[in-house]
Amino acid sequence: MGNICRSPTAQGVFQFLVDKDGLDKKIVIDSAGTVAYQAGKKPDARAIDAATKRGYDLSKLRARKVEDADFEKFDYVLVMDSDNHMDLIEQCPEEHHYKIKYFLEYSSNKPTLEVPDPYYGGLKGFETVLDLVEEASEGLLAHIKKDHLT
């Protein structure tokens, strides 16, 4: 929503995997929120700390709001929960609705389609987000490699 917890965590984890596979020249990754009230801010310090402990660097990321051009520019517009899904469907031109999916659709272990917002919880919530995002990131990369890079 505000692009300071879940989405930058997903961006950092997925970027790490893409870089590790040497695909950073072929895959462009960005994250954005559905609201602008955090625009320009760093990810939540708890998200940065949890990610850093697992080897991911979120420190250079800055929050931004989804722009209309994003729906044309990106092949995938992935959401973390149903509220954001609904907001993006409303903002997105109909011809790009097919791009909007839940990030956890790419997880092989789908306990849920929604990544819980850890903002108002404790540190455990940020670890849970990382667990879910790591699994889905691996699935997303495998999907992209299979469908777009072979």
C-alpha atoms as a PDB file:
ATOM      1  CA  MET A   1       0.000   0.000   0.000  1.00  0.00           C
ATOM      2  CA  GLY A   2       2.582   2.573   1.124  1.00  0.00           C
ATOM      3  CA  ASN A   3       5.539   0.762  -0.508  1.00  0.00           C
ATOM      4  CA  ILE A   4       7.699   0.579   2.619  1.00  0.00           C
ATOM      5  CA  CYS A   5       7.295  -3.019   3.848  1.00  0.00           C
ATOM      6  CA  ARG A   6       6.099  -5.863   1.643  1.00  0.00           C
ATOM      7  CA  SER A   7       6.714  -4.544  -1.859  1.00  0.00           C
ATOM      8  CA  PRO A   8      10.283  -3.313  -1.323  1.00  0.00           C
ATOM      9  CA  THR A   9      11.031  -6.597   0.437  1.00  0.00           C
ATOM     10  CA  ALA A  10       9.781  -8.454  -2.636  1.00  0.00           C
ATOM     11  CA  GLN A  11      11.746  -6.134  -4.913  1.00  0.00           C
ATOM     12  CA  GLY A  12      14.953  -6.712  -2.947  1.00  0.00           C
ATOM     13  CA  VAL A  13      14.569 -10.487  -2.780  1.00  0.00           C
ATOM     14  CA  PHE A  14      13.616 -10.825  -6.450  1.00  0.00           C
ATOM     15  CA  GLN A  15      16.433  -8.481  -7.537  1.00  0.00           C
ATOM     16  CA  PHE A  16      18.895 -10.624  -5.585  1.00  0.00           C
ATOM     17  CA  LEU A  17      17.736 -13.768  -7.413  1.00  0.00           C
ATOM     18  CA  VAL A  18      17.761 -12.048 -10.804  1.00  0.00           C
ATOM     19  CA  ASP A  19      21.269 -10.701 -10.205  1.00  0.00           C
ATOM     20  CA  LYS A  20      22.465 -14.111  -9.008  1.00  0.00           C
ATOM     21  CA  ASP A  21      21.239 -15.647 -12.279  1.00  0.00           C
ATOM     22  CA  GLY A  22      22.884 -12.886 -14.338  1.00  0.00           C
ATOM     23  CA  LEU A  23      19.538 -11.709 -15.704  1.00  0.00           C
ATOM     24  CA  ASP A  24      19.686  -8.110 -14.483  1.00  0.00           C
ATOM     25  CA  LYS A  25      20.042  -6.819 -18.080  1.00  0.00           C
ATOM     26  CA  LYS A  26      16.895  -8.696 -19.161  1.00  0.00           C
ATOM     27  CA  ILE A  27      14.559  -8.218 -16.191  1.00  0.00           C
ATOM     28  CA  VAL A  28      13.579  -4.803 -14.822  1.00  0.00           C
ATOM     29  CA  ILE A  29      12.189  -4.812 -11.289  1.00  0.00           C
ATOM     30  CA  ASP A  30      10.450  -2.035  -9.401  1.00  0.00           C
ATOM     31  CA  SER A  31       7.950  -1.713  -6.604  1.00  0.00           C
ATOM     32  CA  ALA A  32       5.294   0.861  -5.895  1.00  0.00           C
ATOM     33  CA  GLY A  33       2.372   1.464  -3.584  1.00  0.00           C
ATOM     34  CA  THR A  34      -1.245   2.298  -4.195  1.00  0.00           C
ATOM     35  CA  VAL A  35      -1.033   5.419  -2.040  1.00  0.00           C
ATOM     36  CA  ALA A  36       1.537   8.221  -2.103  1.00  0.00           C
ATOM     37  CA  TYR A  37       1.800   9.139   1.571  1.00  0.00           C
ATOM     38  CA  GLN A  38       5.154   7.338   1.967  1.00  0.00           C
ATOM     39  CA  ALA A  39       6.593   8.522  -1.385  1.00  0.00           C
ATOM     40  CA  GLY A  40      10.328   9.153  -1.217  1.00  0.00           C
ATOM     41  CA  LYS A  41      10.813   7.328   2.074  1.00  0.00           C
ATOM     42  CA  LYS A  42      13.122   4.381   2.699  1.00  0.00           C
ATOM     43  CA  PRO A  43      11.596   1.005   3.486  1.00  0.00           C
ATOM     44  CA  ASP A  44      10.595   0.476   7.109  1.00  0.00           C
ATOM     45  CA  ALA A  45      13.704  -0.009   9.263  1.00  0.00           C
ATOM     46  CA  ARG A  46      12.367  -3.381  10.441  1.00  0.00           C
ATOM     47  CA  ALA A  47      12.031  -4.549   6.827  1.00  0.00           C
ATOM     48  CA  ILE A  48      15.586  -3.395   6.076  1.00  0.00           C
ATOM     49  CA  ASP A  49      16.945  -5.160   9.176  1.00  0.00           C
ATOM     50  CA  ALA A  50      15.129  -8.441   8.514  1.00  0.00           C
ATOM     51  CA  ALA A  51      16.197  -8.418   4.867  1.00  0.00           C
ATOM     52  CA  THR A  52      19.804  -7.560   5.705  1.00  0.00           C
ATOM     53  CA  LYS A  53      20.017 -10.561   8.037  1.00  0.00           C
ATOM     54  CA  ARG A  54      19.158 -12.763   5.051  1.00  0.00           C
ATOM     55  CA  GLY A  55      21.565 -11.037   2.681  1.00  0.00           C
ATOM     56  CA  TYR A  56      19.191  -8.664   0.856  1.00  0.00           C
ATOM     57  CA  ASP A  57      19.865  -4.936   0.520  1.00  0.00           C
ATOM     58  CA  LEU A  58      16.806  -2.685   0.649  1.00  0.00           C
ATOM     59  CA  SER A  59      18.657   0.433   1.805  1.00  0.00           C
ATOM     60  CA  LYS A  60      18.701   2.196  -1.571  1.00  0.00           C
ATOM     61  CA  LEU A  61      15.006   1.685  -2.333  1.00  0.00           C
ATOM     62  CA  ARG A  62      12.536   4.558  -2.046  1.00  0.00           C
ATOM     63  CA  ALA A  63       8.749   4.405  -1.930  1.00  0.00           C
ATOM     64  CA  ARG A  64       6.696   5.628  -4.842  1.00  0.00           C
ATOM     65  CA  LYS A  65       3.092   5.443  -5.996  1.00  0.00           C
ATOM     66  CA  VAL A  66       1.973   3.345  -8.951  1.00  0.00           C
ATOM     67  CA  GLU A  67       1.810   5.485 -12.082  1.00  0.00           C
ATOM     68  CA  ASP A  68      -0.517   4.912 -15.027  1.00  0.00           C
ATOM     69  CA  ALA A  69       2.538   4.304 -17.248  1.00  0.00           C
ATOM     70  CA  ASP A  70       3.489   1.285 -15.095  1.00  0.00           C
ATOM     71  CA  PHE A  71       0.635  -0.742 -16.580  1.00  0.00           C
ATOM     72  CA  GLU A  72       2.087  -0.301 -20.067  1.00  0.00           C
ATOM     73  CA  LYS A  73       5.752  -0.573 -19.039  1.00  0.00           C
ATOM     74  CA  PHE A  74       5.683  -3.775 -16.976  1.00  0.00           C
ATOM     75  CA  ASP A  75       4.670  -7.310 -17.978  1.00  0.00           C
ATOM     76  CA  TYR A  76       3.700  -8.184 -14.392  1.00  0.00           C
ATOM     77  CA  VAL A  77       1.937  -6.015 -11.824  1.00  0.00           C
ATOM     78  CA  LEU A  78       1.963  -8.068  -8.654  1.00  0.00           C
ATOM     79  CA  VAL A  79      -0.023  -7.293  -5.529  1.00  0.00           C
ATOM     80  CA  MET A  80       0.278  -8.335  -1.925  1.00  0.00           C
ATOM     81  CA  ASP A  81      -3.385  -8.346  -0.890  1.00  0.00           C
ATOM     82  CA  SER A  82      -6.975  -7.988  -2.083  1.00  0.00           C
ATOM     83  CA  ASP A  83      -7.257  -4.294  -1.161  1.00  0.00           C
ATOM     84  CA  ASN A  84      -4.313  -3.426  -3.396  1.00  0.00           C
ATOM     85  CA  HIS A  85      -5.633  -5.768  -6.095  1.00  0.00           C
ATOM     86  CA  MET A  86      -8.947  -3.908  -6.112  1.00  0.00           C
ATOM     87  CA  ASP A  87      -7.238  -0.486  -6.130  1.00  0.00           C
ATOM     88  CA  LEU A  88      -5.051  -1.425  -9.087  1.00  0.00           C
ATOM     89  CA  ILE A  89      -7.898  -2.957 -11.083  1.00  0.00           C
ATOM     90  CA  GLU A  90      -9.707   0.378 -10.705  1.00  0.00           C
ATOM     91  CA  GLN A  91      -6.650   2.381 -11.800  1.00  0.00           C
ATOM     92  CA  CYS A  92      -5.481   0.092 -14.592  1.00  0.00           C
ATOM     93  CA  PRO A  93      -6.738   0.347 -18.177  1.00  0.00           C
ATOM     94  CA  GLU A  94      -8.851  -2.713 -18.954  1.00  0.00           C
ATOM     95  CA  GLU A  95      -6.474  -3.996 -21.641  1.00  0.00           C
ATOM     96  CA  HIS A  96      -3.801  -4.486 -18.950  1.00  0.00           C
ATOM     97  CA  HIS A  97      -5.958  -6.128 -16.245  1.00  0.00           C
ATOM     98  CA  TYR A  98      -4.439  -9.519 -17.103  1.00  0.00           C
ATOM     99  CA  LYS A  99      -1.074  -8.307 -15.766  1.00  0.00           C
ATOM    100  CA  ILE A 100      -2.415  -7.806 -12.236  1.00  0.00           C
ATOM    101  CA  LYS A 101      -1.878 -10.923 -10.152  1.00  0.00           C
ATOM    102  CA  TYR A 102      -1.189 -11.818  -6.565  1.00  0.00           C
ATOM    103  CA  PHE A 103       2.537 -12.199  -5.913  1.00  0.00           C
ATOM    104  CA  LEU A 104       1.898 -15.437  -4.017  1.00  0.00           C
ATOM    105  CA  GLU A 105       0.330 -17.019  -7.119  1.00  0.00           C
ATOM    106  CA  TYR A 106       3.943 -17.865  -7.988  1.00  0.00           C
ATOM    107  CA  SER A 107       4.587 -19.691  -4.723  1.00  0.00           C
ATOM    108  CA  SER A 108       4.683 -23.476  -4.889  1.00  0.00           C
ATOM    109  CA  ASN A 109       3.515 -23.534  -1.271  1.00  0.00           C
ATOM    110  CA  LYS A 110       0.365 -21.393  -1.376  1.00  0.00           C
ATOM    111  CA  PRO A 111      -0.859 -21.150   2.204  1.00  0.00           C
ATOM    112  CA  THR A 112      -2.689 -17.971   1.153  1.00  0.00           C
ATOM    113  CA  LEU A 113      -2.745 -15.479  -1.705  1.00  0.00           C
ATOM    114  CA  GLU A 114      -2.182 -12.529   0.606  1.00  0.00           C
ATOM    115  CA  VAL A 115       1.089 -11.410   2.135  1.00  0.00           C
ATOM    116  CA  PRO A 116       0.132 -10.050   5.568  1.00  0.00           C
ATOM    117  CA  ASP A 117       1.047  -6.433   6.269  1.00  0.00           C
ATOM    118  CA  PRO A 118       3.701  -6.496   9.024  1.00  0.00           C
ATOM    119  CA  TYR A 119       3.637  -2.752   9.721  1.00  0.00           C
ATOM    120  CA  TYR A 120       1.600  -2.819  12.944  1.00  0.00           C
ATOM    121  CA  GLY A 121       3.015  -6.102  14.214  1.00  0.00           C
ATOM    122  CA  GLY A 122       6.307  -7.176  15.653  1.00  0.00           C
ATOM    123  CA  LEU A 123       9.512  -8.381  14.058  1.00  0.00           C
ATOM    124  CA  LYS A 124       8.048 -11.848  13.443  1.00  0.00           C
ATOM    125  CA  GLY A 125       5.744 -10.323  10.827  1.00  0.00           C
ATOM    126  CA  PHE A 126       8.716  -9.145   8.772  1.00  0.00           C
ATOM    127  CA  GLU A 127      10.231 -12.628   8.941  1.00  0.00           C
ATOM    128  CA  THR A 128       6.929 -14.103   7.748  1.00  0.00           C
ATOM    129  CA  VAL A 129       6.876 -11.659   4.837  1.00  0.00           C
ATOM    130  CA  LEU A 130      10.405 -12.711   3.897  1.00  0.00           C
ATOM    131  CA  ASP A 131       9.495 -16.404   4.046  1.00  0.00           C
ATOM    132  CA  LEU A 132       6.515 -15.888   1.740  1.00  0.00           C
ATOM    133  CA  VAL A 133       8.359 -13.542  -0.618  1.00  0.00           C
ATOM    134  CA  GLU A 134      11.399 -15.814  -0.974  1.00  0.00           C
ATOM    135  CA  GLU A 135       9.206 -18.743  -1.994  1.00  0.00           C
ATOM    136  CA  ALA A 136       7.156 -16.699  -4.469  1.00  0.00           C
ATOM    137  CA  SER A 137      10.265 -15.003  -5.906  1.00  0.00           C
ATOM    138  CA  GLU A 138      11.774 -18.358  -6.793  1.00  0.00           C
ATOM    139  CA  GLY A 139       8.523 -19.397  -8.459  1.00  0.00           C
ATOM    140  CA  LEU A 140       8.199 -16.117 -10.335  1.00  0.00           C
ATOM    141  CA  LEU A 141      11.748 -16.321 -11.648  1.00  0.00           C
ATOM    142  CA  ALA A 142      11.231 -19.916 -12.771  1.00  0.00           C
ATOM    143  CA  HIS A 143       8.018 -18.836 -14.523  1.00  0.00           C
ATOM    144  CA  ILE A 144       9.700 -15.926 -16.308  1.00  0.00           C
ATOM    145  CA  LYS A 145      12.665 -18.049 -17.372  1.00  0.00           C
ATOM    146  CA  LYS A 146      10.352 -20.742 -18.741  1.00  0.00           C
ATOM    147  CA  ASP A 147       7.849 -18.482 -20.486  1.00  0.00           C
ATOM    148  CA  HIS A 148       9.976 -15.539 -21.588  1.00  0.00           C
ATOM    149  CA  LEU A 149      13.672 -16.398 -21.618  1.00  0.00           C
ATOM    150  CA  THR A 150      13.855 -19.800 -23.321  1.00  0.00           C
END
